[in-house]
């Protein structure tokens, strides 16, 4: 029996799935997890398309969204907008 490596990008095939995945990571993850999740989403949509929409080169985009990267907040916001997301603030429960 042959198995393949799991890749979350293979399952991010709708705006709803992308939003659910990103919201889950935003609730439970840390900075690194959020950057990695944006990388997965960009891969699912297509790095070339995201690069065009953000004005970043593909190599810069791969570097900014790789494990251990510390991209500028402006880069994160550009990628978030390009993948169709936005940040919303809701008060924490006491």
PDB file of N, CA and C in Angstrom:
ATOM      1  N   UNK A   1       0.837  -1.179   0.000  1.00  0.00           N
ATOM      2  CA  UNK A   1       0.000   0.000   0.000  1.00  0.00           C
ATOM      3  C   UNK A   1       0.887   1.249   0.000  1.00  0.00           C
ATOM      4  N   UNK A   2       0.584   2.159  -0.895  1.00  0.00           N
ATOM      5  CA  UNK A   2       1.354   3.383  -1.013  1.00  0.00           C
ATOM      6  C   UNK A   2       0.611   4.523  -0.329  1.00  0.00           C
ATOM      7  N   UNK A   3       1.345   5.319   0.421  1.00  0.00           N
ATOM      8  CA  UNK A   3       0.742   6.468   1.083  1.00  0.00           C
ATOM      9  C   UNK A   3       1.396   7.738   0.567  1.00  0.00           C
ATOM     10  N   UNK A   4       0.697   8.840   0.737  1.00  0.00           N
ATOM     11  CA  UNK A   4       1.259  10.130   0.334  1.00  0.00           C
ATOM     12  C   UNK A   4       1.290  11.056   1.540  1.00  0.00           C
ATOM     13  N   UNK A   5       2.152  12.031   1.475  1.00  0.00           N
ATOM     14  CA  UNK A   5       2.293  12.987   2.557  1.00  0.00           C
ATOM     15  C   UNK A   5       1.066  13.891   2.610  1.00  0.00           C
ATOM     16  N   UNK A   6       0.553  14.122   3.820  1.00  0.00           N
ATOM     17  CA  UNK A   6      -0.603  14.987   4.001  1.00  0.00           C
ATOM     18  C   UNK A   6      -0.211  16.423   3.703  1.00  0.00           C
ATOM     19  N   UNK A   7      -1.017  17.112   2.934  1.00  0.00           N
ATOM     20  CA  UNK A   7      -0.809  18.521   2.626  1.00  0.00           C
ATOM     21  C   UNK A   7      -2.139  19.238   2.776  1.00  0.00           C
ATOM     22  N   UNK A   8      -2.238  20.092   3.789  1.00  0.00           N
ATOM     23  CA  UNK A   8      -3.491  20.801   4.070  1.00  0.00           C
ATOM     24  C   UNK A   8      -3.941  21.627   2.874  1.00  0.00           C
ATOM     25  N   UNK A   9      -2.998  22.110   2.066  1.00  0.00           N
ATOM     26  CA  UNK A   9      -3.351  22.926   0.901  1.00  0.00           C
ATOM     27  C   UNK A   9      -4.274  22.168  -0.059  1.00  0.00           C
ATOM     28  N   UNK A  10      -4.187  20.846  -0.063  1.00  0.00           N
ATOM     29  CA  UNK A  10      -5.049  20.039  -0.927  1.00  0.00           C
ATOM     30  C   UNK A  10      -6.522  20.124  -0.519  1.00  0.00           C
ATOM     31  N   UNK A  11      -6.793  20.531   0.705  1.00  0.00           N
ATOM     32  CA  UNK A  11      -8.165  20.566   1.225  1.00  0.00           C
ATOM     33  C   UNK A  11      -8.728  21.981   1.314  1.00  0.00           C
ATOM     34  N   UNK A  12      -7.925  22.969   1.016  1.00  0.00           N
ATOM     35  CA  UNK A  12      -8.373  24.358   1.078  1.00  0.00           C
ATOM     36  C   UNK A  12      -8.899  24.765  -0.296  1.00  0.00           C
ATOM     37  N   UNK A  13     -10.042  24.203  -0.642  1.00  0.00           N
ATOM     38  CA  UNK A  13     -10.569  24.349  -2.000  1.00  0.00           C
ATOM     39  C   UNK A  13     -11.788  25.255  -2.112  1.00  0.00           C
ATOM     40  N   UNK A  14     -12.116  25.978  -1.050  1.00  0.00           N
ATOM     41  CA  UNK A  14     -13.222  26.931  -1.109  1.00  0.00           C
ATOM     42  C   UNK A  14     -12.935  28.075  -0.145  1.00  0.00           C
ATOM     43  N   UNK A  15     -13.583  29.195  -0.368  1.00  0.00           N
ATOM     44  CA  UNK A  15     -13.403  30.342   0.528  1.00  0.00           C
ATOM     45  C   UNK A  15     -13.823  30.004   1.958  1.00  0.00           C
ATOM     46  N   UNK A  16     -14.847  29.182   2.081  1.00  0.00           N
ATOM     47  CA  UNK A  16     -15.321  28.793   3.405  1.00  0.00           C
ATOM     48  C   UNK A  16     -14.283  27.955   4.141  1.00  0.00           C
ATOM     49  N   UNK A  17     -13.672  26.997   3.446  1.00  0.00           N
ATOM     50  CA  UNK A  17     -12.636  26.161   4.073  1.00  0.00           C
ATOM     51  C   UNK A  17     -11.422  26.998   4.459  1.00  0.00           C
ATOM     52  N   UNK A  18     -11.041  27.916   3.592  1.00  0.00           N
ATOM     53  CA  UNK A  18      -9.904  28.787   3.874  1.00  0.00           C
ATOM     54  C   UNK A  18     -10.193  29.638   5.100  1.00  0.00           C
ATOM     55  N   UNK A  19     -11.381  30.220   5.167  1.00  0.00           N
ATOM     56  CA  UNK A  19     -11.746  31.064   6.308  1.00  0.00           C
ATOM     57  C   UNK A  19     -11.785  30.250   7.599  1.00  0.00           C
ATOM     58  N   UNK A  20     -12.353  29.071   7.545  1.00  0.00           N
ATOM     59  CA  UNK A  20     -12.437  28.216   8.735  1.00  0.00           C
ATOM     60  C   UNK A  20     -11.051  27.827   9.234  1.00  0.00           C
ATOM     61  N   UNK A  21     -10.186  27.449   8.311  1.00  0.00           N
ATOM     62  CA  UNK A  21      -8.815  27.076   8.662  1.00  0.00           C
ATOM     63  C   UNK A  21      -8.077  28.257   9.282  1.00  0.00           C
ATOM     64  N   UNK A  22      -8.137  29.403   8.649  1.00  0.00           N
ATOM     65  CA  UNK A  22      -7.423  30.565   9.155  1.00  0.00           C
ATOM     66  C   UNK A  22      -7.983  31.023  10.496  1.00  0.00           C
ATOM     67  N   UNK A  23      -9.292  31.014  10.655  1.00  0.00           N
ATOM     68  CA  UNK A  23      -9.889  31.386  11.948  1.00  0.00           C
ATOM     69  C   UNK A  23      -9.457  30.440  13.055  1.00  0.00           C
ATOM     70  N   UNK A  24      -9.390  29.157  12.743  1.00  0.00           N
ATOM     71  CA  UNK A  24      -8.954  28.175  13.733  1.00  0.00           C
ATOM     72  C   UNK A  24      -7.514  28.444  14.161  1.00  0.00           C
ATOM     73  N   UNK A  25      -6.648  28.724  13.195  1.00  0.00           N
ATOM     74  CA  UNK A  25      -5.249  29.013  13.517  1.00  0.00           C
ATOM     75  C   UNK A  25      -5.126  30.320  14.288  1.00  0.00           C
ATOM     76  N   UNK A  26      -5.907  31.321  13.913  1.00  0.00           N
ATOM     77  CA  UNK A  26      -5.865  32.601  14.625  1.00  0.00           C
ATOM     78  C   UNK A  26      -6.303  32.452  16.080  1.00  0.00           C
ATOM     79  N   UNK A  27      -7.260  31.578  16.336  1.00  0.00           N
ATOM     80  CA  UNK A  27      -7.736  31.366  17.708  1.00  0.00           C
ATOM     81  C   UNK A  27      -6.751  30.578  18.550  1.00  0.00           C
ATOM     82  N   UNK A  28      -6.143  29.566  17.961  1.00  0.00           N
ATOM     83  CA  UNK A  28      -5.348  28.622  18.751  1.00  0.00           C
ATOM     84  C   UNK A  28      -3.844  28.688  18.522  1.00  0.00           C
ATOM     85  N   UNK A  29      -3.410  29.341  17.449  1.00  0.00           N
ATOM     86  CA  UNK A  29      -2.006  29.300  17.083  1.00  0.00           C
ATOM     87  C   UNK A  29      -1.206  30.486  17.570  1.00  0.00           C
ATOM     88  N   UNK A  30       0.093  30.403  17.313  1.00  0.00           N
ATOM     89  CA  UNK A  30       0.974  31.515  17.630  1.00  0.00           C
ATOM     90  C   UNK A  30       1.389  32.199  16.320  1.00  0.00           C
ATOM     91  N   UNK A  31       2.298  33.163  16.408  1.00  0.00           N
ATOM     92  CA  UNK A  31       2.723  33.905  15.219  1.00  0.00           C
ATOM     93  C   UNK A  31       3.208  32.981  14.112  1.00  0.00           C
ATOM     94  N   UNK A  32       4.039  32.035  14.459  1.00  0.00           N
ATOM     95  CA  UNK A  32       4.602  31.115  13.478  1.00  0.00           C
ATOM     96  C   UNK A  32       3.514  30.282  12.809  1.00  0.00           C
ATOM     97  N   UNK A  33       2.541  29.841  13.583  1.00  0.00           N
ATOM     98  CA  UNK A  33       1.443  29.043  13.028  1.00  0.00           C
ATOM     99  C   UNK A  33       0.627  29.854  12.020  1.00  0.00           C
ATOM    100  N   UNK A  34       0.417  31.128  12.315  1.00  0.00           N
ATOM    101  CA  UNK A  34      -0.364  31.990  11.426  1.00  0.00           C
ATOM    102  C   UNK A  34       0.379  32.207  10.111  1.00  0.00           C
ATOM    103  N   UNK A  35       1.673  32.444  10.191  1.00  0.00           N
ATOM    104  CA  UNK A  35       2.476  32.632   8.981  1.00  0.00           C
ATOM    105  C   UNK A  35       2.480  31.355   8.144  1.00  0.00           C
ATOM    106  N   UNK A  36       2.635  30.213   8.799  1.00  0.00           N
ATOM    107  CA  UNK A  36       2.613  28.925   8.097  1.00  0.00           C
ATOM    108  C   UNK A  36       1.254  28.697   7.443  1.00  0.00           C
ATOM    109  N   UNK A  37       0.174  29.018   8.148  1.00  0.00           N
ATOM    110  CA  UNK A  37      -1.172  28.850   7.596  1.00  0.00           C
ATOM    111  C   UNK A  37      -1.372  29.730   6.367  1.00  0.00           C
ATOM    112  N   UNK A  38      -0.890  30.964   6.418  1.00  0.00           N
ATOM    113  CA  UNK A  38      -0.989  31.833   5.245  1.00  0.00           C
ATOM    114  C   UNK A  38      -0.214  31.239   4.070  1.00  0.00           C
ATOM    115  N   UNK A  39       0.908  30.597   4.357  1.00  0.00           N
ATOM    116  CA  UNK A  39       1.663  29.914   3.309  1.00  0.00           C
ATOM    117  C   UNK A  39       0.881  28.768   2.699  1.00  0.00           C
ATOM    118  N   UNK A  40       0.204  27.991   3.546  1.00  0.00           N
ATOM    119  CA  UNK A  40      -0.627  26.889   3.043  1.00  0.00           C
ATOM    120  C   UNK A  40      -1.750  27.423   2.153  1.00  0.00           C
ATOM    121  N   UNK A  41      -2.369  28.507   2.596  1.00  0.00           N
ATOM    122  CA  UNK A  41      -3.480  29.090   1.840  1.00  0.00           C
ATOM    123  C   UNK A  41      -2.978  29.642   0.510  1.00  0.00           C
ATOM    124  N   UNK A  42      -1.841  30.344   0.548  1.00  0.00           N
ATOM    125  CA  UNK A  42      -1.273  30.888  -0.690  1.00  0.00           C
ATOM    126  C   UNK A  42      -0.933  29.767  -1.664  1.00  0.00           C
ATOM    127  N   UNK A  43      -0.422  28.665  -1.146  1.00  0.00           N
ATOM    128  CA  UNK A  43      -0.103  27.513  -1.998  1.00  0.00           C
ATOM    129  C   UNK A  43      -1.381  26.937  -2.615  1.00  0.00           C
ATOM    130  N   UNK A  44      -2.444  26.855  -1.811  1.00  0.00           N
ATOM    131  CA  UNK A  44      -3.705  26.305  -2.310  1.00  0.00           C
ATOM    132  C   UNK A  44      -4.294  27.181  -3.417  1.00  0.00           C
ATOM    133  N   UNK A  45      -4.195  28.489  -3.259  1.00  0.00           N
ATOM    134  CA  UNK A  45      -4.744  29.410  -4.262  1.00  0.00           C
ATOM    135  C   UNK A  45      -3.815  29.510  -5.465  1.00  0.00           C
ATOM    136  N   UNK A  46      -2.529  29.494  -5.181  1.00  0.00           N
ATOM    137  CA  UNK A  46      -1.510  29.615  -6.228  1.00  0.00           C
ATOM    138  C   UNK A  46      -0.560  30.752  -5.898  1.00  0.00           C
ATOM    139  N   UNK A  47       0.701  30.410  -5.708  1.00  0.00           N
ATOM    140  CA  UNK A  47       1.693  31.424  -5.335  1.00  0.00           C
ATOM    141  C   UNK A  47       1.820  32.511  -6.392  1.00  0.00           C
ATOM    142  N   UNK A  48       1.717  32.138  -7.654  1.00  0.00           N
ATOM    143  CA  UNK A  48       1.832  33.137  -8.720  1.00  0.00           C
ATOM    144  C   UNK A  48       0.714  34.157  -8.613  1.00  0.00           C
ATOM    145  N   UNK A  49      -0.493  33.688  -8.395  1.00  0.00           N
ATOM    146  CA  UNK A  49      -1.644  34.591  -8.274  1.00  0.00           C
ATOM    147  C   UNK A  49      -1.480  35.501  -7.055  1.00  0.00           C
ATOM    148  N   UNK A  50      -1.070  34.939  -5.922  1.00  0.00           N
ATOM    149  CA  UNK A  50      -0.894  35.738  -4.711  1.00  0.00           C
ATOM    150  C   UNK A  50       0.241  36.739  -4.907  1.00  0.00           C
ATOM    151  N   UNK A  51       1.315  36.324  -5.561  1.00  0.00           N
ATOM    152  CA  UNK A  51       2.435  37.230  -5.833  1.00  0.00           C
ATOM    153  C   UNK A  51       1.971  38.412  -6.684  1.00  0.00           C
ATOM    154  N   UNK A  52       1.186  38.139  -7.699  1.00  0.00           N
ATOM    155  CA  UNK A  52       0.669  39.213  -8.558  1.00  0.00           C
ATOM    156  C   UNK A  52      -0.212  40.176  -7.769  1.00  0.00           C
ATOM    157  N   UNK A  53      -1.078  39.651  -6.928  1.00  0.00           N
ATOM    158  CA  UNK A  53      -2.014  40.491  -6.185  1.00  0.00           C
ATOM    159  C   UNK A  53      -1.346  41.292  -5.073  1.00  0.00           C
ATOM    160  N   UNK A  54      -0.251  40.772  -4.524  1.00  0.00           N
ATOM    161  CA  UNK A  54       0.432  41.476  -3.444  1.00  0.00           C
ATOM    162  C   UNK A  54       1.528  42.407  -3.947  1.00  0.00           C
ATOM    163  N   UNK A  55       1.971  42.192  -5.183  1.00  0.00           N
ATOM    164  CA  UNK A  55       3.085  42.970  -5.703  1.00  0.00           C
ATOM    165  C   UNK A  55       4.434  42.449  -5.238  1.00  0.00           C
ATOM    166  N   UNK A  56       4.446  41.287  -4.602  1.00  0.00           N
ATOM    167  CA  UNK A  56       5.687  40.660  -4.154  1.00  0.00           C
ATOM    168  C   UNK A  56       6.138  39.645  -5.189  1.00  0.00           C
ATOM    169  N   UNK A  57       7.427  39.401  -5.251  1.00  0.00           N
ATOM    170  CA  UNK A  57       7.906  38.354  -6.151  1.00  0.00           C
ATOM    171  C   UNK A  57       7.601  36.996  -5.518  1.00  0.00           C
ATOM    172  N   UNK A  58       7.516  35.968  -6.350  1.00  0.00           N
ATOM    173  CA  UNK A  58       7.271  34.623  -5.819  1.00  0.00           C
ATOM    174  C   UNK A  58       8.343  34.209  -4.829  1.00  0.00           C
ATOM    175  N   UNK A  59       9.648  34.409  -5.133  1.00  0.00           N
ATOM    176  CA  UNK A  59      10.670  34.027  -4.148  1.00  0.00           C
ATOM    177  C   UNK A  59      10.512  34.776  -2.813  1.00  0.00           C
ATOM    178  N   UNK A  60      10.177  36.059  -2.884  1.00  0.00           N
ATOM    179  CA  UNK A  60       9.964  36.827  -1.646  1.00  0.00           C
ATOM    180  C   UNK A  60       8.773  36.295  -0.870  1.00  0.00           C
ATOM    181  N   UNK A  61       7.738  35.916  -1.594  1.00  0.00           N
ATOM    182  CA  UNK A  61       6.545  35.379  -0.957  1.00  0.00           C
ATOM    183  C   UNK A  61       6.841  34.046  -0.283  1.00  0.00           C
ATOM    184  N   UNK A  62       7.540  33.154  -0.982  1.00  0.00           N
ATOM    185  CA  UNK A  62       7.924  31.876  -0.379  1.00  0.00           C
ATOM    186  C   UNK A  62       8.769  32.103   0.875  1.00  0.00           C
ATOM    187  N   UNK A  63       9.714  33.024   0.795  1.00  0.00           N
ATOM    188  CA  UNK A  63      10.593  33.309   1.940  1.00  0.00           C
ATOM    189  C   UNK A  63       9.789  33.882   3.109  1.00  0.00           C
ATOM    190  N   UNK A  64       8.885  34.810   2.824  1.00  0.00           N
ATOM    191  CA  UNK A  64       8.098  35.460   3.875  1.00  0.00           C
ATOM    192  C   UNK A  64       7.156  34.489   4.579  1.00  0.00           C
ATOM    193  N   UNK A  65       6.714  33.449   3.872  1.00  0.00           N
ATOM    194  CA  UNK A  65       5.726  32.517   4.431  1.00  0.00           C
ATOM    195  C   UNK A  65       6.324  31.165   4.790  1.00  0.00           C
ATOM    196  N   UNK A  66       7.635  31.089   4.886  1.00  0.00           N
ATOM    197  CA  UNK A  66       8.285  29.830   5.233  1.00  0.00           C
ATOM    198  C   UNK A  66       8.404  29.674   6.749  1.00  0.00           C
ATOM    199  N   UNK A  67       8.672  28.452   7.191  1.00  0.00           N
ATOM    200  CA  UNK A  67       8.849  28.180   8.621  1.00  0.00           C
ATOM    201  C   UNK A  67       9.978  29.042   9.178  1.00  0.00           C
ATOM    202  N   UNK A  68       9.706  29.682  10.288  1.00  0.00           N
ATOM    203  CA  UNK A  68      10.705  30.493  10.959  1.00  0.00           C
ATOM    204  C   UNK A  68      10.823  31.913  10.434  1.00  0.00           C
ATOM    205  N   UNK A  69      10.058  32.248   9.397  1.00  0.00           N
ATOM    206  CA  UNK A  69      10.115  33.599   8.836  1.00  0.00           C
ATOM    207  C   UNK A  69       9.456  34.594   9.787  1.00  0.00           C
ATOM    208  N   UNK A  70       9.897  35.821   9.697  1.00  0.00           N
ATOM    209  CA  UNK A  70       9.319  36.902  10.481  1.00  0.00           C
ATOM    210  C   UNK A  70       8.985  38.058   9.535  1.00  0.00           C
ATOM    211  N   UNK A  71       7.928  37.874   8.734  1.00  0.00           N
ATOM    212  CA  UNK A  71       7.584  38.907   7.752  1.00  0.00           C
ATOM    213  C   UNK A  71       7.056  40.169   8.430  1.00  0.00           C
ATOM    214  N   UNK A  72       7.163  41.274   7.713  1.00  0.00           N
ATOM    215  CA  UNK A  72       6.601  42.524   8.213  1.00  0.00           C
ATOM    216  C   UNK A  72       5.084  42.406   8.242  1.00  0.00           C
ATOM    217  N   UNK A  73       4.478  43.178   9.136  1.00  0.00           N
ATOM    218  CA  UNK A  73       3.026  43.150   9.258  1.00  0.00           C
ATOM    219  C   UNK A  73       2.369  43.559   7.940  1.00  0.00           C
ATOM    220  N   UNK A  74       2.972  44.491   7.232  1.00  0.00           N
ATOM    221  CA  UNK A  74       2.404  44.926   5.946  1.00  0.00           C
ATOM    222  C   UNK A  74       2.356  43.769   4.946  1.00  0.00           C
ATOM    223  N   UNK A  75       3.346  42.894   4.985  1.00  0.00           N
ATOM    224  CA  UNK A  75       3.354  41.722   4.106  1.00  0.00           C
ATOM    225  C   UNK A  75       2.219  40.779   4.469  1.00  0.00           C
ATOM    226  N   UNK A  76       2.041  40.555   5.757  1.00  0.00           N
ATOM    227  CA  UNK A  76       0.948  39.687   6.217  1.00  0.00           C
ATOM    228  C   UNK A  76      -0.392  40.256   5.770  1.00  0.00           C
ATOM    229  N   UNK A  77      -0.568  41.559   5.911  1.00  0.00           N
ATOM    230  CA  UNK A  77      -1.833  42.183   5.515  1.00  0.00           C
ATOM    231  C   UNK A  77      -2.056  42.076   4.005  1.00  0.00           C
ATOM    232  N   UNK A  78      -1.016  42.243   3.209  1.00  0.00           N
ATOM    233  CA  UNK A  78      -1.144  42.100   1.753  1.00  0.00           C
ATOM    234  C   UNK A  78      -1.571  40.679   1.386  1.00  0.00           C
ATOM    235  N   UNK A  79      -0.924  39.703   2.011  1.00  0.00           N
ATOM    236  CA  UNK A  79      -1.260  38.304   1.717  1.00  0.00           C
ATOM    237  C   UNK A  79      -2.682  38.004   2.183  1.00  0.00           C
ATOM    238  N   UNK A  80      -3.027  38.461   3.362  1.00  0.00           N
ATOM    239  CA  UNK A  80      -4.370  38.233   3.882  1.00  0.00           C
ATOM    240  C   UNK A  80      -5.428  38.807   2.942  1.00  0.00           C
ATOM    241  N   UNK A  81      -5.194  40.008   2.453  1.00  0.00           N
ATOM    242  CA  UNK A  81      -6.140  40.622   1.509  1.00  0.00           C
ATOM    243  C   UNK A  81      -6.193  39.825   0.208  1.00  0.00           C
ATOM    244  N   UNK A  82      -5.031  39.376  -0.271  1.00  0.00           N
ATOM    245  CA  UNK A  82      -4.975  38.622  -1.524  1.00  0.00           C
ATOM    246  C   UNK A  82      -5.692  37.286  -1.442  1.00  0.00           C
ATOM    247  N   UNK A  83      -5.731  36.678  -0.254  1.00  0.00           N
ATOM    248  CA  UNK A  83      -6.420  35.392  -0.108  1.00  0.00           C
ATOM    249  C   UNK A  83      -7.890  35.592   0.251  1.00  0.00           C
ATOM    250  N   UNK A  84      -8.326  36.845   0.299  1.00  0.00           N
ATOM    251  CA  UNK A  84      -9.739  37.126   0.543  1.00  0.00           C
ATOM    252  C   UNK A  84     -10.106  37.192   2.006  1.00  0.00           C
ATOM    253  N   UNK A  85      -9.137  37.464   2.868  1.00  0.00           N
ATOM    254  CA  UNK A  85      -9.411  37.517   4.303  1.00  0.00           C
ATOM    255  C   UNK A  85      -9.330  38.923   4.853  1.00  0.00           C
ATOM    256  N   UNK A  86      -9.746  39.033   6.058  1.00  0.00           N
ATOM    257  CA  UNK A  86      -9.648  40.283   6.791  1.00  0.00           C
ATOM    258  C   UNK A  86      -9.557  39.964   8.271  1.00  0.00           C
ATOM    259  N   UNK A  87      -9.024  40.885   9.018  1.00  0.00           N
ATOM    260  CA  UNK A  87      -8.934  40.701  10.460  1.00  0.00           C
ATOM    261  C   UNK A  87     -10.094  41.444  11.104  1.00  0.00           C
ATOM    262  N   UNK A  88     -10.772  40.786  12.019  1.00  0.00           N
ATOM    263  CA  UNK A  88     -11.851  41.408  12.788  1.00  0.00           C
ATOM    264  C   UNK A  88     -11.529  41.219  14.251  1.00  0.00           C
ATOM    265  N   UNK A  89     -11.860  42.184  15.038  1.00  0.00           N
ATOM    266  CA  UNK A  89     -11.615  42.129  16.473  1.00  0.00           C
ATOM    267  C   UNK A  89     -12.940  41.907  17.191  1.00  0.00           C
ATOM    268  N   UNK A  90     -12.944  40.949  18.105  1.00  0.00           N
ATOM    269  CA  UNK A  90     -14.118  40.757  18.944  1.00  0.00           C
ATOM    270  C   UNK A  90     -13.610  40.684  20.385  1.00  0.00           C
ATOM    271  N   UNK A  91     -14.370  41.230  21.302  1.00  0.00           N
ATOM    272  CA  UNK A  91     -13.923  41.226  22.691  1.00  0.00           C
ATOM    273  C   UNK A  91     -13.807  39.811  23.249  1.00  0.00           C
ATOM    274  N   UNK A  92     -12.803  39.621  24.081  1.00  0.00           N
ATOM    275  CA  UNK A  92     -12.635  38.333  24.754  1.00  0.00           C
ATOM    276  C   UNK A  92     -13.682  38.193  25.847  1.00  0.00           C
ATOM    277  N   UNK A  93     -14.124  36.983  26.033  1.00  0.00           N
ATOM    278  CA  UNK A  93     -15.059  36.709  27.134  1.00  0.00           C
ATOM    279  C   UNK A  93     -14.303  36.754  28.452  1.00  0.00           C
ATOM    280  N   UNK A  94     -14.979  37.225  29.476  1.00  0.00           N
ATOM    281  CA  UNK A  94     -14.337  37.301  30.806  1.00  0.00           C
ATOM    282  C   UNK A  94     -14.193  35.950  31.435  1.00  0.00           C
TER     283      UNK A  94
END
